[in-house]
Protein backbone atom coordinates (compact mmCIF):
# COMPACT_ATOMS: atom_id res chain seq x y z
CA MET A 1 0.00 0.00 0.00
CA LYS A 2 2.79 2.40 0.83
CA TYR A 3 4.10 2.03 -2.73
CA ILE A 4 0.67 2.92 -4.05
CA TYR A 5 0.54 5.98 -1.81
CA LEU A 6 4.03 6.97 -2.90
CA SER A 7 3.06 6.54 -6.54
CA ILE A 8 -0.07 8.69 -6.08
CA ILE A 9 1.96 11.35 -4.29
CA SER A 10 4.61 11.26 -7.03
CA ILE A 11 2.00 11.59 -9.78
CA PHE A 12 0.33 14.48 -7.91
CA CYS A 13 3.68 16.24 -7.45
CA CYS A 14 4.52 15.80 -11.12
CA PHE A 15 1.08 17.09 -12.11
CA THR A 16 1.31 20.19 -9.90
CA THR A 17 4.88 20.81 -11.11
CA ALA A 18 3.72 20.61 -14.72
CA ILE A 19 0.90 23.07 -14.02
CA ALA A 20 3.31 25.46 -12.32
CA GLN A 21 5.76 25.23 -15.21
CA ASP A 22 2.96 25.84 -17.68
CA GLU A 23 1.84 28.92 -15.74
CA VAL A 24 5.41 30.25 -15.70
CA ALA A 25 5.75 29.64 -19.43
CA THR A 26 2.43 31.37 -20.05
CA LYS A 27 3.51 34.37 -18.01
CA LYS A 28 6.82 34.53 -19.87
CA GLN A 29 5.00 34.31 -23.16
CA ASP A 30 2.65 37.12 -22.16
CA THR A 31 5.57 39.44 -21.39
CA THR A 32 7.06 38.91 -24.83
CA LEU A 33 3.76 39.60 -26.58
CA ARG A 34 2.97 43.00 -25.14
CA SER A 35 1.26 45.31 -27.57
CA GLN A 36 2.24 48.72 -28.93
CA LYS A 37 -0.32 51.43 -29.57
CA TYR A 38 -1.05 52.75 -33.05
CA GLY A 39 -3.16 55.84 -33.58
CA ILE A 40 -3.26 59.57 -34.06
CA ARG A 41 -1.52 62.00 -31.71
CA ALA A 42 -2.66 65.64 -31.76
CA GLY A 43 -2.06 68.79 -29.77
CA VAL A 44 -0.80 72.39 -29.82
CA ASP A 45 2.50 74.27 -29.82
CA LEU A 46 2.87 75.84 -26.37
CA SER A 47 5.73 78.14 -27.46
CA ARG A 48 3.47 80.10 -29.83
CA LEU A 49 0.76 80.47 -27.21
CA LEU A 50 3.33 81.68 -24.68
CA ARG A 51 4.82 84.18 -27.14
CA THR A 52 1.32 85.46 -27.94
CA ALA A 53 0.76 86.09 -24.23
CA ILE A 54 4.00 87.99 -23.58
CA ASP A 55 4.78 89.68 -26.94
CA ASP A 56 2.39 92.47 -27.98
CA ASP A 57 3.72 92.41 -31.55
CA TYR A 58 3.02 88.70 -32.11
CA GLN A 59 -0.08 86.53 -32.38
CA GLY A 60 -0.08 82.91 -33.42
CA PHE A 61 -1.10 79.32 -32.85
CA GLU A 62 -0.05 75.96 -34.25
CA VAL A 63 -1.82 72.60 -34.23
CA VAL A 64 0.37 69.49 -34.54
CA ALA A 65 -0.48 65.87 -35.32
CA ASP A 66 1.17 62.59 -36.26
CA TYR A 67 -0.02 59.12 -37.18
CA ARG A 68 1.99 55.97 -36.59
CA LEU A 69 2.31 53.92 -39.77
CA PHE A 70 4.95 51.39 -38.72
CA LYS A 71 7.04 50.69 -35.64
CA ASN A 72 9.31 53.72 -36.04
CA TYR A 73 7.68 55.72 -38.86
CA TYR A 74 5.10 58.46 -38.42
CA ILE A 75 3.24 60.73 -40.84
CA ALA A 76 3.38 64.24 -39.34
CA ALA A 77 1.78 67.61 -40.00
CA GLU A 78 1.64 71.08 -38.47
CA PHE A 79 -0.65 73.94 -39.44
CA GLY A 80 -1.53 77.30 -37.98
CA ASN A 81 -1.59 81.08 -38.29
CA GLU A 82 0.89 83.84 -37.41
CA SER A 83 0.95 87.62 -37.28
CA LEU A 84 4.11 89.59 -36.50
CA LEU A 85 4.72 93.34 -36.43
CA THR A 86 8.36 94.19 -37.22
CA ASP A 87 9.18 97.69 -35.98
CA GLU A 88 12.70 98.66 -36.99
CA GLU A 89 14.54 101.95 -37.29
CA ASN A 90 13.66 102.58 -40.94
CA LEU A 91 10.41 100.71 -41.44
CA ASN A 92 7.33 99.20 -39.79
CA VAL A 93 5.96 96.04 -41.45
CA LYS A 94 3.30 93.53 -40.44
CA ALA A 95 3.20 89.96 -41.79
CA ASP A 96 0.02 87.94 -41.40
CA GLY A 97 -0.90 84.53 -42.81
CA SER A 98 -1.43 80.80 -42.53
CA PHE A 99 0.87 77.84 -43.07
CA ILE A 100 1.07 74.06 -43.24
CA ARG A 101 4.01 71.68 -42.93
CA ILE A 102 3.73 67.98 -43.81
CA GLY A 103 6.27 65.17 -43.77
CA MET A 104 7.58 62.07 -42.02
CA ASP A 105 9.25 61.37 -38.64
CA TYR A 106 11.58 58.47 -37.81
CA ASN A 107 12.04 57.37 -34.19
CA THR A 108 15.66 56.43 -33.46
CA TYR A 109 15.00 55.41 -29.83
CA ASP A 110 14.41 51.75 -28.95
CA ASN A 111 11.82 51.78 -26.16
CA TRP A 112 11.47 49.29 -23.36
CA PHE A 113 8.19 47.40 -23.14
CA GLY A 114 5.33 49.75 -22.31
CA MET A 115 7.26 52.92 -23.21
CA GLN A 116 6.36 55.22 -26.10
CA ASN A 117 9.08 57.87 -25.91
CA SER A 118 11.02 58.91 -28.97
CA ILE A 119 14.12 60.71 -30.17
CA TYR A 120 13.23 61.50 -33.73
CA VAL A 121 14.40 63.08 -36.95
CA GLY A 122 11.92 64.36 -39.50
CA LEU A 123 11.59 65.91 -42.93
CA ARG A 124 9.03 68.61 -43.76
CA TYR A 125 7.65 70.42 -46.77
CA GLY A 126 6.15 73.79 -45.84
CA LEU A 127 3.75 76.10 -47.60
CA SER A 128 2.52 79.53 -46.50
CA THR A 129 -0.03 82.04 -47.83
CA PHE A 130 0.30 85.50 -46.32
CA SER A 131 0.05 89.26 -46.66
CA GLN A 132 2.56 92.03 -45.98
CA THR A 133 1.60 95.53 -44.82
CA LEU A 134 4.13 98.36 -44.85
CA ASN A 135 2.82 100.92 -42.33
CA ASP A 136 5.62 103.49 -42.62
CA TYR A 137 9.21 103.77 -43.78
CA THR A 138 12.11 106.22 -43.87
CA ILE A 139 13.80 107.29 -47.09
CA TYR A 140 17.49 106.47 -46.83
CA THR A 141 19.97 109.36 -47.12
CA ASP A 142 23.50 109.96 -45.93
CA ASN A 143 22.78 113.70 -45.48
CA THR A 144 22.25 114.37 -41.79
CA PHE A 145 21.54 118.10 -42.25
CA PHE A 146 17.83 117.60 -42.96
CA ASP A 147 15.31 115.78 -40.78
CA PRO A 148 14.52 112.15 -41.69
CA ASP A 149 12.02 111.78 -44.53
CA ILE A 150 9.40 109.47 -42.99
CA ARG A 151 6.60 108.24 -45.25
CA ASP A 152 3.46 107.02 -43.51
CA GLU A 153 1.84 105.69 -46.69
CA VAL A 154 0.31 102.26 -46.00
CA ILE A 155 1.19 99.66 -48.65
CA GLU A 156 -0.53 96.27 -48.38
CA GLN A 157 -0.15 93.25 -50.60
CA SER A 158 -2.00 89.97 -50.03
CA GLY A 159 -2.05 86.60 -51.76
CA LEU A 160 1.70 86.04 -51.39
CA THR A 161 3.03 82.48 -51.14
CA ALA A 162 6.24 80.77 -50.04
CA SER A 163 7.47 77.18 -49.87
CA TRP A 164 10.42 75.47 -48.19
CA ILE A 165 11.86 72.18 -46.99
CA GLY A 166 13.04 71.51 -43.46
CA LEU A 167 14.89 69.12 -41.17
CA LYS A 168 13.42 68.61 -37.69
CA LEU A 169 15.01 67.07 -34.58
CA GLY A 170 13.11 66.44 -31.38
CA ILE A 171 12.55 64.53 -28.16
CA LYS A 172 9.09 63.28 -27.24
CA ALA A 173 8.41 62.01 -23.69
CA GLU A 174 5.24 60.52 -22.21
CA LEU A 175 4.40 62.55 -19.09
CA LEU A 176 1.16 60.75 -18.24
CA LYS A 177 -0.73 57.95 -19.92
CA ASN A 178 -1.03 58.95 -23.62
CA LEU A 179 0.04 62.56 -22.85
CA PHE A 180 3.31 63.68 -24.47
CA LEU A 181 5.64 66.67 -24.25
CA ASP A 182 7.74 67.40 -27.35
CA ILE A 183 10.78 69.69 -27.53
CA ASN A 184 12.12 70.26 -31.05
CA VAL A 185 14.31 72.42 -33.29
CA SER A 186 14.25 72.76 -37.05
CA ILE A 187 16.38 74.09 -39.91
CA ARG A 188 14.58 75.29 -43.04
CA ARG A 189 15.67 76.12 -46.56
CA MET A 190 13.54 78.39 -48.73
CA ILE A 191 12.52 77.02 -52.13
CA ASN A 192 10.41 79.86 -53.42
CA GLU A 193 8.89 83.07 -52.07
CA GLU A 194 6.79 85.85 -53.54
CA THR A 195 7.73 89.36 -52.41
CA PRO A 196 5.73 92.60 -52.43
CA ASP A 197 6.32 95.03 -55.26
CA ARG A 198 8.15 97.72 -53.29
CA PHE A 199 9.80 95.89 -50.38
CA ASP A 200 10.99 92.45 -49.26
CA ASN A 201 9.62 89.91 -46.82
CA LEU A 202 11.07 90.23 -43.32
CA TYR A 203 9.01 87.42 -41.78
CA ILE A 204 7.03 84.57 -43.37
CA PRO A 205 4.41 82.73 -41.27
CA GLY A 206 5.48 79.15 -40.65
CA PHE A 207 9.01 79.75 -41.90
CA GLY A 208 10.24 82.57 -39.66
CA LYS A 209 12.63 85.45 -40.26
CA THR A 210 14.17 85.93 -43.68
CA ASN A 211 17.30 87.78 -44.78
CA ASP A 212 19.05 88.87 -47.96
CA PHE A 213 22.23 86.83 -47.59
CA SER A 214 20.83 83.34 -46.94
CA LYS A 215 17.84 81.15 -47.83
CA PHE A 216 18.07 79.29 -44.52
CA GLY A 217 15.95 79.82 -41.42
CA ALA A 218 15.46 78.15 -38.05
CA GLY A 219 12.71 77.47 -35.56
CA TYR A 220 11.85 75.70 -32.34
CA GLY A 221 8.78 74.45 -30.51
CA TYR A 222 7.36 72.99 -27.31
CA THR A 223 4.26 70.94 -28.00
CA ILE A 224 1.81 69.03 -25.84
CA THR A 225 -0.06 66.18 -27.54
CA TYR A 226 -2.51 63.41 -26.65
CA LEU A 227 -2.56 59.95 -28.24
CA LEU A 228 -5.86 58.46 -29.40
CA PRO A 229 -5.11 54.73 -29.91
CA PHE A 230 -6.97 53.08 -32.78
CA TYR A 231 -5.52 49.58 -32.45
CA LYS A 232 -2.57 47.63 -31.05
CA LYS A 233 0.13 45.46 -32.58
CA LYS A 234 2.06 42.79 -30.73
CA LYS A 235 5.78 43.52 -30.43
């Protein structure tokens, strides 16, 4: 009888051990099959809202969004409106218009399971439609005997366009569940711009400041975005 009891105990021990091993294997398998979220992420550029609040000569907003296509590839877009009054020694000009930038981002950061942070590089194509208003200007002269010749004639030209390409670098971190903070910088190269008949563009919405000696410009941003997951893929 004792051999029977020992056999039953042995079988029971083997059975419970097998169940325990199967549970461990199942748990291990579950950890390797965690899912990654795919969906649209949208928000606003906080830097433009902050500048609007503290700079009387500037008004603007920018809406940003991206959509995850593959593991590390995202379709991205930004669009908004800007108005800037440039008050310099010899002229006073206001630029006002809308813009859109579209392109692709690539995430170079390999996340741990459950993380959705990114260190990314992106390409953008930008397009802006805007107007320029020359409020007043001073006629240049090297004769200091007479008072400055200031003309307060208002010259406005609308329907101007500009296009450019840009390189964007940024860091995106998940602060709370599905809530992200993005800090980024960009370098832009002008492709084409329309200028008013009697003066040049000093600022182009979406592109930034322009100058006579270079077609390059730069920008930065601080954005807050929220992810709306559409589906999940197993990693």
